mmCIF file of all heavy atoms, coordinates in Angstrom:
data_MODEL
# 
_entry.id   MODEL 
# 
loop_
_atom_site.group_PDB 
_atom_site.id 
_atom_site.type_symbol 
_atom_site.label_atom_id 
_atom_site.label_alt_id 
_atom_site.label_comp_id 
_atom_site.label_asym_id 
_atom_site.label_entity_id 
_atom_site.label_seq_id 
_atom_site.pdbx_PDB_ins_code 
_atom_site.Cartn_x 
_atom_site.Cartn_y 
_atom_site.Cartn_z 
_atom_site.occupancy 
_atom_site.B_iso_or_equiv 
_atom_site.pdbx_formal_charge 
_atom_site.auth_seq_id 
_atom_site.auth_comp_id 
_atom_site.auth_asym_id 
_atom_site.auth_atom_id 
_atom_site.pdbx_PDB_model_num 
ATOM 1   N N   . GLN A 1 1  ? 72.198 103.251 156.341 1.00 0.00 ? 1  GLN A N   1 
ATOM 2   C CA  . GLN A 1 1  ? 73.440 102.682 156.840 1.00 0.00 ? 1  GLN A CA  1 
ATOM 3   C C   . GLN A 1 1  ? 73.596 101.254 156.318 1.00 0.00 ? 1  GLN A C   1 
ATOM 4   O O   . GLN A 1 1  ? 72.677 100.448 156.368 1.00 0.00 ? 1  GLN A O   1 
ATOM 5   C CB  . GLN A 1 1  ? 73.433 102.678 158.372 1.00 0.00 ? 1  GLN A CB  1 
ATOM 6   C CG  . GLN A 1 1  ? 74.729 102.155 159.000 1.00 0.00 ? 1  GLN A CG  1 
ATOM 7   C CD  . GLN A 1 1  ? 74.643 102.190 160.520 1.00 0.00 ? 1  GLN A CD  1 
ATOM 8   O OE1 . GLN A 1 1  ? 73.842 102.920 161.085 1.00 0.00 ? 1  GLN A OE1 1 
ATOM 9   N NE2 . GLN A 1 1  ? 75.474 101.404 161.163 1.00 0.00 ? 1  GLN A NE2 1 
ATOM 10  N N   . HIS A 1 2  ? 74.778 100.921 155.794 1.00 0.00 ? 2  HIS A N   1 
ATOM 11  C CA  . HIS A 1 2  ? 74.972 99.645  155.123 1.00 0.00 ? 2  HIS A CA  1 
ATOM 12  C C   . HIS A 1 2  ? 74.657 98.458  156.033 1.00 0.00 ? 2  HIS A C   1 
ATOM 13  O O   . HIS A 1 2  ? 74.101 97.453  155.594 1.00 0.00 ? 2  HIS A O   1 
ATOM 14  C CB  . HIS A 1 2  ? 76.403 99.526  154.593 1.00 0.00 ? 2  HIS A CB  1 
ATOM 15  C CG  . HIS A 1 2  ? 76.631 98.311  153.746 1.00 0.00 ? 2  HIS A CG  1 
ATOM 16  N ND1 . HIS A 1 2  ? 77.000 97.086  154.281 1.00 0.00 ? 2  HIS A ND1 1 
ATOM 17  C CD2 . HIS A 1 2  ? 76.501 98.122  152.417 1.00 0.00 ? 2  HIS A CD2 1 
ATOM 18  C CE1 . HIS A 1 2  ? 77.104 96.196  153.306 1.00 0.00 ? 2  HIS A CE1 1 
ATOM 19  N NE2 . HIS A 1 2  ? 76.813 96.798  152.162 1.00 0.00 ? 2  HIS A NE2 1 
ATOM 20  N N   . SER A 1 3  ? 75.007 98.563  157.298 1.00 0.00 ? 3  SER A N   1 
ATOM 21  C CA  . SER A 1 3  ? 74.781 97.447  158.216 1.00 0.00 ? 3  SER A CA  1 
ATOM 22  C C   . SER A 1 3  ? 73.301 97.184  158.448 1.00 0.00 ? 3  SER A C   1 
ATOM 23  O O   . SER A 1 3  ? 72.923 96.139  158.966 1.00 0.00 ? 3  SER A O   1 
ATOM 24  C CB  . SER A 1 3  ? 75.460 97.724  159.561 1.00 0.00 ? 3  SER A CB  1 
ATOM 25  O OG  . SER A 1 3  ? 74.924 98.899  160.159 1.00 0.00 ? 3  SER A OG  1 
ATOM 26  N N   . LEU A 1 4  ? 72.435 98.136  158.050 1.00 0.00 ? 4  LEU A N   1 
ATOM 27  C CA  . LEU A 1 4  ? 71.004 97.978  158.255 1.00 0.00 ? 4  LEU A CA  1 
ATOM 28  C C   . LEU A 1 4  ? 70.270 97.510  157.006 1.00 0.00 ? 4  LEU A C   1 
ATOM 29  O O   . LEU A 1 4  ? 69.077 97.251  157.050 1.00 0.00 ? 4  LEU A O   1 
ATOM 30  C CB  . LEU A 1 4  ? 70.381 99.308  158.709 1.00 0.00 ? 4  LEU A CB  1 
ATOM 31  C CG  . LEU A 1 4  ? 70.917 99.893  160.018 1.00 0.00 ? 4  LEU A CG  1 
ATOM 32  C CD1 . LEU A 1 4  ? 70.242 101.228 160.298 1.00 0.00 ? 4  LEU A CD1 1 
ATOM 33  C CD2 . LEU A 1 4  ? 70.694 98.929  161.179 1.00 0.00 ? 4  LEU A CD2 1 
ATOM 34  N N   . LEU A 1 5  ? 70.974 97.401  155.892 1.00 0.00 ? 5  LEU A N   1 
ATOM 35  C CA  . LEU A 1 5  ? 70.318 97.059  154.635 1.00 0.00 ? 5  LEU A CA  1 
ATOM 36  C C   . LEU A 1 5  ? 69.788 95.631  154.640 1.00 0.00 ? 5  LEU A C   1 
ATOM 37  O O   . LEU A 1 5  ? 68.722 95.341  154.129 1.00 0.00 ? 5  LEU A O   1 
ATOM 38  C CB  . LEU A 1 5  ? 71.284 97.240  153.463 1.00 0.00 ? 5  LEU A CB  1 
ATOM 39  C CG  . LEU A 1 5  ? 71.739 98.683  153.205 1.00 0.00 ? 5  LEU A CG  1 
ATOM 40  C CD1 . LEU A 1 5  ? 72.647 98.725  151.998 1.00 0.00 ? 5  LEU A CD1 1 
ATOM 41  C CD2 . LEU A 1 5  ? 70.533 99.584  152.973 1.00 0.00 ? 5  LEU A CD2 1 
ATOM 42  N N   . GLY A 1 6  ? 70.566 94.705  155.191 1.00 0.00 ? 6  GLY A N   1 
ATOM 43  C CA  . GLY A 1 6  ? 70.108 93.333  155.288 1.00 0.00 ? 6  GLY A CA  1 
ATOM 44  C C   . GLY A 1 6  ? 70.010 92.602  153.972 1.00 0.00 ? 6  GLY A C   1 
ATOM 45  O O   . GLY A 1 6  ? 69.310 91.605  153.861 1.00 0.00 ? 6  GLY A O   1 
ATOM 46  N N   . ARG A 1 7  ? 70.674 93.083  152.934 1.00 0.00 ? 7  ARG A N   1 
ATOM 47  C CA  . ARG A 1 7  ? 70.550 92.445  151.622 1.00 0.00 ? 7  ARG A CA  1 
ATOM 48  C C   . ARG A 1 7  ? 71.399 91.189  151.549 1.00 0.00 ? 7  ARG A C   1 
ATOM 49  O O   . ARG A 1 7  ? 72.569 91.192  151.859 1.00 0.00 ? 7  ARG A O   1 
ATOM 50  C CB  . ARG A 1 7  ? 70.990 93.403  150.513 1.00 0.00 ? 7  ARG A CB  1 
ATOM 51  C CG  . ARG A 1 7  ? 70.966 92.750  149.119 1.00 0.00 ? 7  ARG A CG  1 
ATOM 52  C CD  . ARG A 1 7  ? 71.267 93.769  148.059 1.00 0.00 ? 7  ARG A CD  1 
ATOM 53  N NE  . ARG A 1 7  ? 72.640 94.200  148.085 1.00 0.00 ? 7  ARG A NE  1 
ATOM 54  C CZ  . ARG A 1 7  ? 73.620 93.671  147.351 1.00 0.00 ? 7  ARG A CZ  1 
ATOM 55  N NH1 . ARG A 1 7  ? 73.361 92.650  146.558 1.00 0.00 ? 7  ARG A NH1 1 
ATOM 56  N NH2 . ARG A 1 7  ? 74.850 94.133  147.418 1.00 0.00 ? 7  ARG A NH2 1 
ATOM 57  N N   . LYS A 1 8  ? 70.791 90.100  151.122 1.00 0.00 ? 8  LYS A N   1 
ATOM 58  C CA  . LYS A 1 8  ? 71.544 88.900  150.795 1.00 0.00 ? 8  LYS A CA  1 
ATOM 59  C C   . LYS A 1 8  ? 71.178 88.418  149.400 1.00 0.00 ? 8  LYS A C   1 
ATOM 60  O O   . LYS A 1 8  ? 72.035 88.033  148.626 1.00 0.00 ? 8  LYS A O   1 
ATOM 61  C CB  . LYS A 1 8  ? 71.292 87.799  151.817 1.00 0.00 ? 8  LYS A CB  1 
ATOM 62  C CG  . LYS A 1 8  ? 72.163 86.579  151.573 1.00 0.00 ? 8  LYS A CG  1 
ATOM 63  C CD  . LYS A 1 8  ? 72.089 85.589  152.710 1.00 0.00 ? 8  LYS A CD  1 
ATOM 64  C CE  . LYS A 1 8  ? 73.056 84.438  152.474 1.00 0.00 ? 8  LYS A CE  1 
ATOM 65  N NZ  . LYS A 1 8  ? 72.998 83.443  153.566 1.00 0.00 ? 8  LYS A NZ  1 
ATOM 66  N N   . ILE A 1 9  ? 69.891 88.425  149.091 1.00 0.00 ? 9  ILE A N   1 
ATOM 67  C CA  . ILE A 1 9  ? 69.413 88.079  147.768 1.00 0.00 ? 9  ILE A CA  1 
ATOM 68  C C   . ILE A 1 9  ? 68.702 89.301  147.180 1.00 0.00 ? 9  ILE A C   1 
ATOM 69  O O   . ILE A 1 9  ? 67.929 89.963  147.867 1.00 0.00 ? 9  ILE A O   1 
ATOM 70  C CB  . ILE A 1 9  ? 68.422 86.897  147.802 1.00 0.00 ? 9  ILE A CB  1 
ATOM 71  C CG1 . ILE A 1 9  ? 69.019 85.724  148.579 1.00 0.00 ? 9  ILE A CG1 1 
ATOM 72  C CG2 . ILE A 1 9  ? 68.053 86.475  146.376 1.00 0.00 ? 9  ILE A CG2 1 
ATOM 73  C CD1 . ILE A 1 9  ? 70.269 85.140  147.982 1.00 0.00 ? 9  ILE A CD1 1 
ATOM 74  N N   . LEU A 1 10 ? 68.969 89.597  145.919 1.00 0.00 ? 10 LEU A N   1 
ATOM 75  C CA  . LEU A 1 10 ? 68.343 90.722  145.235 1.00 0.00 ? 10 LEU A CA  1 
ATOM 76  C C   . LEU A 1 10 ? 67.623 90.201  143.999 1.00 0.00 ? 10 LEU A C   1 
ATOM 77  O O   . LEU A 1 10 ? 68.151 89.350  143.281 1.00 0.00 ? 10 LEU A O   1 
ATOM 78  C CB  . LEU A 1 10 ? 69.389 91.753  144.823 1.00 0.00 ? 10 LEU A CB  1 
ATOM 79  C CG  . LEU A 1 10 ? 68.889 92.966  144.031 1.00 0.00 ? 10 LEU A CG  1 
ATOM 80  C CD1 . LEU A 1 10 ? 68.022 93.853  144.914 1.00 0.00 ? 10 LEU A CD1 1 
ATOM 81  C CD2 . LEU A 1 10 ? 70.055 93.763  143.463 1.00 0.00 ? 10 LEU A CD2 1 
ATOM 82  N N   . ALA A 1 11 ? 66.427 90.686  143.759 1.00 0.00 ? 11 ALA A N   1 
ATOM 83  C CA  . ALA A 1 11 ? 65.671 90.330  142.555 1.00 0.00 ? 11 ALA A CA  1 
ATOM 84  C C   . ALA A 1 11 ? 65.003 91.583  142.022 1.00 0.00 ? 11 ALA A C   1 
ATOM 85  O O   . ALA A 1 11 ? 64.602 92.466  142.790 1.00 0.00 ? 11 ALA A O   1 
ATOM 86  C CB  . ALA A 1 11 ? 64.627 89.256  142.851 1.00 0.00 ? 11 ALA A CB  1 
ATOM 87  N N   . ALA A 1 12 ? 64.884 91.666  140.707 1.00 0.00 ? 12 ALA A N   1 
ATOM 88  C CA  . ALA A 1 12 ? 64.261 92.838  140.090 1.00 0.00 ? 12 ALA A CA  1 
ATOM 89  C C   . ALA A 1 12 ? 63.590 92.425  138.792 1.00 0.00 ? 12 ALA A C   1 
ATOM 90  O O   . ALA A 1 12 ? 63.990 91.457  138.146 1.00 0.00 ? 12 ALA A O   1 
ATOM 91  C CB  . ALA A 1 12 ? 65.306 93.926  139.831 1.00 0.00 ? 12 ALA A CB  1 
ATOM 92  N N   . ILE A 1 13 ? 62.563 93.171  138.425 1.00 0.00 ? 13 ILE A N   1 
ATOM 93  C CA  . ILE A 1 13 ? 61.901 92.989  137.139 1.00 0.00 ? 13 ILE A CA  1 
ATOM 94  C C   . ILE A 1 13 ? 62.104 94.255  136.325 1.00 0.00 ? 13 ILE A C   1 
ATOM 95  O O   . ILE A 1 13 ? 61.813 95.359  136.797 1.00 0.00 ? 13 ILE A O   1 
ATOM 96  C CB  . ILE A 1 13 ? 60.402 92.686  137.316 1.00 0.00 ? 13 ILE A CB  1 
ATOM 97  C CG1 . ILE A 1 13 ? 60.236 91.342  138.042 1.00 0.00 ? 13 ILE A CG1 1 
ATOM 98  C CG2 . ILE A 1 13 ? 59.686 92.647  135.964 1.00 0.00 ? 13 ILE A CG2 1 
ATOM 99  C CD1 . ILE A 1 13 ? 58.793 90.971  138.321 1.00 0.00 ? 13 ILE A CD1 1 
ATOM 100 N N   . ILE A 1 14 ? 62.634 94.071  135.128 1.00 0.00 ? 14 ILE A N   1 
ATOM 101 C CA  . ILE A 1 14 ? 62.980 95.189  134.246 1.00 0.00 ? 14 ILE A CA  1 
ATOM 102 C C   . ILE A 1 14 ? 62.043 95.185  133.055 1.00 0.00 ? 14 ILE A C   1 
ATOM 103 O O   . ILE A 1 14 ? 61.760 94.127  132.474 1.00 0.00 ? 14 ILE A O   1 
ATOM 104 C CB  . ILE A 1 14 ? 64.448 95.080  133.750 1.00 0.00 ? 14 ILE A CB  1 
ATOM 105 C CG1 . ILE A 1 14 ? 65.421 95.254  134.920 1.00 0.00 ? 14 ILE A CG1 1 
ATOM 106 C CG2 . ILE A 1 14 ? 64.754 96.102  132.678 1.00 0.00 ? 14 ILE A CG2 1 
ATOM 107 C CD1 . ILE A 1 14 ? 65.781 93.979  135.626 1.00 0.00 ? 14 ILE A CD1 1 
ATOM 108 N N   . MET A 1 15 ? 61.551 96.351  132.679 1.00 0.00 ? 15 MET A N   1 
ATOM 109 C CA  . MET A 1 15 ? 60.699 96.497  131.492 1.00 0.00 ? 15 MET A CA  1 
ATOM 110 C C   . MET A 1 15 ? 61.508 97.138  130.378 1.00 0.00 ? 15 MET A C   1 
ATOM 111 O O   . MET A 1 15 ? 62.161 98.166  130.575 1.00 0.00 ? 15 MET A O   1 
ATOM 112 C CB  . MET A 1 15 ? 59.474 97.353  131.801 1.00 0.00 ? 15 MET A CB  1 
ATOM 113 C CG  . MET A 1 15 ? 58.538 97.534  130.615 1.00 0.00 ? 15 MET A CG  1 
ATOM 114 S SD  . MET A 1 15 ? 57.064 98.530  131.004 1.00 0.00 ? 15 MET A SD  1 
ATOM 115 C CE  . MET A 1 15 ? 57.807 100.173 131.160 1.00 0.00 ? 15 MET A CE  1 
ATOM 116 N N   . ARG A 1 16 ? 61.463 96.519  129.192 1.00 0.00 ? 16 ARG A N   1 
ATOM 117 C CA  . ARG A 1 16 ? 62.132 97.073  128.010 1.00 0.00 ? 16 ARG A CA  1 
ATOM 118 C C   . ARG A 1 16 ? 61.101 97.394  126.940 1.00 0.00 ? 16 ARG A C   1 
ATOM 119 O O   . ARG A 1 16 ? 60.122 96.683  126.772 1.00 0.00 ? 16 ARG A O   1 
ATOM 120 C CB  . ARG A 1 16 ? 63.148 96.087  127.438 1.00 0.00 ? 16 ARG A CB  1 
ATOM 121 C CG  . ARG A 1 16 ? 64.332 95.776  128.343 1.00 0.00 ? 16 ARG A CG  1 
ATOM 122 C CD  . ARG A 1 16 ? 65.334 94.932  127.577 1.00 0.00 ? 16 ARG A CD  1 
ATOM 123 N NE  . ARG A 1 16 ? 65.985 95.694  126.534 1.00 0.00 ? 16 ARG A NE  1 
ATOM 124 C CZ  . ARG A 1 16 ? 66.549 95.146  125.437 1.00 0.00 ? 16 ARG A CZ  1 
ATOM 125 N NH1 . ARG A 1 16 ? 66.493 93.834  125.257 1.00 0.00 ? 16 ARG A NH1 1 
ATOM 126 N NH2 . ARG A 1 16 ? 67.130 95.894  124.533 1.00 0.00 ? 16 ARG A NH2 1 
ATOM 127 N N   . ARG A 1 17 ? 61.360 98.466  126.205 1.00 0.00 ? 17 ARG A N   1 
ATOM 128 C CA  . ARG A 1 17 ? 60.530 98.836  125.052 1.00 0.00 ? 17 ARG A CA  1 
ATOM 129 C C   . ARG A 1 17 ? 61.363 98.626  123.796 1.00 0.00 ? 17 ARG A C   1 
ATOM 130 O O   . ARG A 1 17 ? 62.325 99.334  123.557 1.00 0.00 ? 17 ARG A O   1 
ATOM 131 C CB  . ARG A 1 17 ? 60.072 100.286 125.148 1.00 0.00 ? 17 ARG A CB  1 
ATOM 132 C CG  . ARG A 1 17 ? 59.124 100.571 126.314 1.00 0.00 ? 17 ARG A CG  1 
ATOM 133 C CD  . ARG A 1 17 ? 58.718 102.024 126.352 1.00 0.00 ? 17 ARG A CD  1 
ATOM 134 N NE  . ARG A 1 17 ? 57.841 102.329 127.470 1.00 0.00 ? 17 ARG A NE  1 
ATOM 135 C CZ  . ARG A 1 17 ? 56.510 102.281 127.412 1.00 0.00 ? 17 ARG A CZ  1 
ATOM 136 N NH1 . ARG A 1 17 ? 55.921 101.961 126.274 1.00 0.00 ? 17 ARG A NH1 1 
ATOM 137 N NH2 . ARG A 1 17 ? 55.772 102.573 128.469 1.00 0.00 ? 17 ARG A NH2 1 
ATOM 138 N N   . GLY A 1 18 ? 60.975 97.648  122.999 1.00 0.00 ? 18 GLY A N   1 
ATOM 139 C CA  . GLY A 1 18 ? 61.727 97.347  121.792 1.00 0.00 ? 18 GLY A CA  1 
ATOM 140 C C   . GLY A 1 18 ? 63.099 96.800  122.114 1.00 0.00 ? 18 GLY A C   1 
ATOM 141 O O   . GLY A 1 18 ? 63.342 96.222  123.169 1.00 0.00 ? 18 GLY A O   1 
ATOM 142 N N   . GLN A 1 19 ? 64.035 96.998  121.195 1.00 0.00 ? 19 GLN A N   1 
ATOM 143 C CA  . GLN A 1 19 ? 65.395 96.500  121.354 1.00 0.00 ? 19 GLN A CA  1 
ATOM 144 C C   . GLN A 1 19 ? 66.382 97.596  121.740 1.00 0.00 ? 19 GLN A C   1 
ATOM 145 O O   . GLN A 1 19 ? 67.574 97.344  121.867 1.00 0.00 ? 19 GLN A O   1 
ATOM 146 C CB  . GLN A 1 19 ? 65.864 95.839  120.046 1.00 0.00 ? 19 GLN A CB  1 
ATOM 147 C CG  . GLN A 1 19 ? 65.013 94.662  119.613 1.00 0.00 ? 19 GLN A CG  1 
ATOM 148 C CD  . GLN A 1 19 ? 64.989 93.556  120.641 1.00 0.00 ? 19 GLN A CD  1 
ATOM 149 O OE1 . GLN A 1 19 ? 66.029 93.172  121.185 1.00 0.00 ? 19 GLN A OE1 1 
ATOM 150 N NE2 . GLN A 1 19 ? 63.806 93.033  120.941 1.00 0.00 ? 19 GLN A NE2 1 
ATOM 151 N N   . GLU A 1 20 ? 65.877 98.808  121.921 1.00 0.00 ? 20 GLU A N   1 
ATOM 152 C CA  . GLU A 1 20 ? 66.745 99.927  122.242 1.00 0.00 ? 20 GLU A CA  1 
ATOM 153 C C   . GLU A 1 20 ? 66.862 100.092 123.747 1.00 0.00 ? 20 GLU A C   1 
ATOM 154 O O   . GLU A 1 20 ? 65.864 100.118 124.469 1.00 0.00 ? 20 GLU A O   1 
ATOM 155 C CB  . GLU A 1 20 ? 66.199 101.222 121.627 1.00 0.00 ? 20 GLU A CB  1 
ATOM 156 C CG  . GLU A 1 20 ? 66.135 101.208 120.104 1.00 0.00 ? 20 GLU A CG  1 
ATOM 157 C CD  . GLU A 1 20 ? 67.509 101.104 119.487 1.00 0.00 ? 20 GLU A CD  1 
ATOM 158 O OE1 . GLU A 1 20 ? 68.466 101.650 120.079 1.00 0.00 ? 20 GLU A OE1 1 
ATOM 159 O OE2 . GLU A 1 20 ? 67.628 100.489 118.412 1.00 0.00 ? 20 GLU A OE2 1 
ATOM 160 N N   . GLY A 1 21 ? 68.081 100.202 124.229 1.00 0.00 ? 21 GLY A N   1 
ATOM 161 C CA  . GLY A 1 21 ? 68.314 100.486 125.636 1.00 0.00 ? 21 GLY A CA  1 
ATOM 162 C C   . GLY A 1 21 ? 68.083 99.284  126.521 1.00 0.00 ? 21 GLY A C   1 
ATOM 163 O O   . GLY A 1 21 ? 67.658 98.206  126.088 1.00 0.00 ? 21 GLY A O   1 
ATOM 164 N N   . LEU A 1 22 ? 68.370 99.473  127.802 1.00 0.00 ? 22 LEU A N   1 
ATOM 165 C CA  . LEU A 1 22 ? 68.230 98.409  128.791 1.00 0.00 ? 22 LEU A CA  1 
ATOM 166 C C   . LEU A 1 22 ? 66.836 98.342  129.372 1.00 0.00 ? 22 LEU A C   1 
ATOM 167 O O   . LEU A 1 22 ? 66.407 97.294  129.844 1.00 0.00 ? 22 LEU A O   1 
ATOM 168 C CB  . LEU A 1 22 ? 69.228 98.629  129.937 1.00 0.00 ? 22 LEU A CB  1 
ATOM 169 C CG  . LEU A 1 22 ? 70.702 98.542  129.576 1.00 0.00 ? 22 LEU A CG  1 
ATOM 170 C CD1 . LEU A 1 22 ? 71.543 98.824  130.796 1.00 0.00 ? 22 LEU A CD1 1 
ATOM 171 C CD2 . LEU A 1 22 ? 71.022 97.176  129.015 1.00 0.00 ? 22 LEU A CD2 1 
ATOM 172 N N   . GLY A 1 23 ? 66.139 99.451  129.365 1.00 0.00 ? 23 GLY A N   1 
ATOM 173 C CA  . GLY A 1 23 ? 64.832 99.493  130.003 1.00 0.00 ? 23 GLY A CA  1 
ATOM 174 C C   . GLY A 1 23 ? 64.922 100.142 131.372 1.00 0.00 ? 23 GLY A C   1 
ATOM 175 O O   . GLY A 1 23 ? 65.868 100.881 131.673 1.00 0.00 ? 23 GLY A O   1 
ATOM 176 N N   . VAL A 1 24 ? 63.946 99.851  132.205 1.00 0.00 ? 24 VAL A N   1 
ATOM 177 C CA  . VAL A 1 24 ? 63.871 100.475 133.515 1.00 0.00 ? 24 VAL A CA  1 
ATOM 178 C C   . VAL A 1 24 ? 63.399 99.440  134.533 1.00 0.00 ? 24 VAL A C   1 
ATOM 179 O O   . VAL A 1 24 ? 62.586 98.567  134.220 1.00 0.00 ? 24 VAL A O   1 
ATOM 180 C CB  . VAL A 1 24 ? 62.907 101.681 133.490 1.00 0.00 ? 24 VAL A CB  1 
ATOM 181 C CG1 . VAL A 1 24 ? 61.506 101.254 133.107 1.00 0.00 ? 24 VAL A CG1 1 
ATOM 182 C CG2 . VAL A 1 24 ? 62.899 102.422 134.808 1.00 0.00 ? 24 VAL A CG2 1 
ATOM 183 N N   . VAL A 1 25 ? 63.920 99.529  135.737 1.00 0.00 ? 25 VAL A N   1 
ATOM 184 C CA  . VAL A 1 25 ? 63.496 98.644  136.820 1.00 0.00 ? 25 VAL A CA  1 
ATOM 185 C C   . VAL A 1 25 ? 62.116 99.088  137.299 1.00 0.00 ? 25 VAL A C   1 
ATOM 186 O O   . VAL A 1 25 ? 61.951 100.220 137.754 1.00 0.00 ? 25 VAL A O   1 
ATOM 187 C CB  . VAL A 1 25 ? 64.503 98.681  137.993 1.00 0.00 ? 25 VAL A CB  1 
ATOM 188 C CG1 . VAL A 1 25 ? 63.985 97.845  139.161 1.00 0.00 ? 25 VAL A CG1 1 
ATOM 189 C CG2 . VAL A 1 25 ? 65.866 98.170  137.549 1.00 0.00 ? 25 VAL A CG2 1 
ATOM 190 N N   . VAL A 1 26 ? 61.125 98.218  137.183 1.00 0.00 ? 26 VAL A N   1 
ATOM 191 C CA  . VAL A 1 26 ? 59.768 98.561  137.607 1.00 0.00 ? 26 VAL A CA  1 
ATOM 192 C C   . VAL A 1 26 ? 59.420 97.950  138.958 1.00 0.00 ? 26 VAL A C   1 
ATOM 193 O O   . VAL A 1 26 ? 58.430 98.336  139.586 1.00 0.00 ? 26 VAL A O   1 
ATOM 194 C CB  . VAL A 1 26 ? 58.729 98.141  136.554 1.00 0.00 ? 26 VAL A CB  1 
ATOM 195 C CG1 . VAL A 1 26 ? 58.935 98.910  135.261 1.00 0.00 ? 26 VAL A CG1 1 
ATOM 196 C CG2 . VAL A 1 26 ? 58.760 96.637  136.299 1.00 0.00 ? 26 VAL A CG2 1 
# 
């Protein structure tokens, strides 16, 4: 439920392999 998420700040680390694609959130 959205009211329970409590998100205000979001941070993520993404891994990329080479220059192709965006990578994946690890």
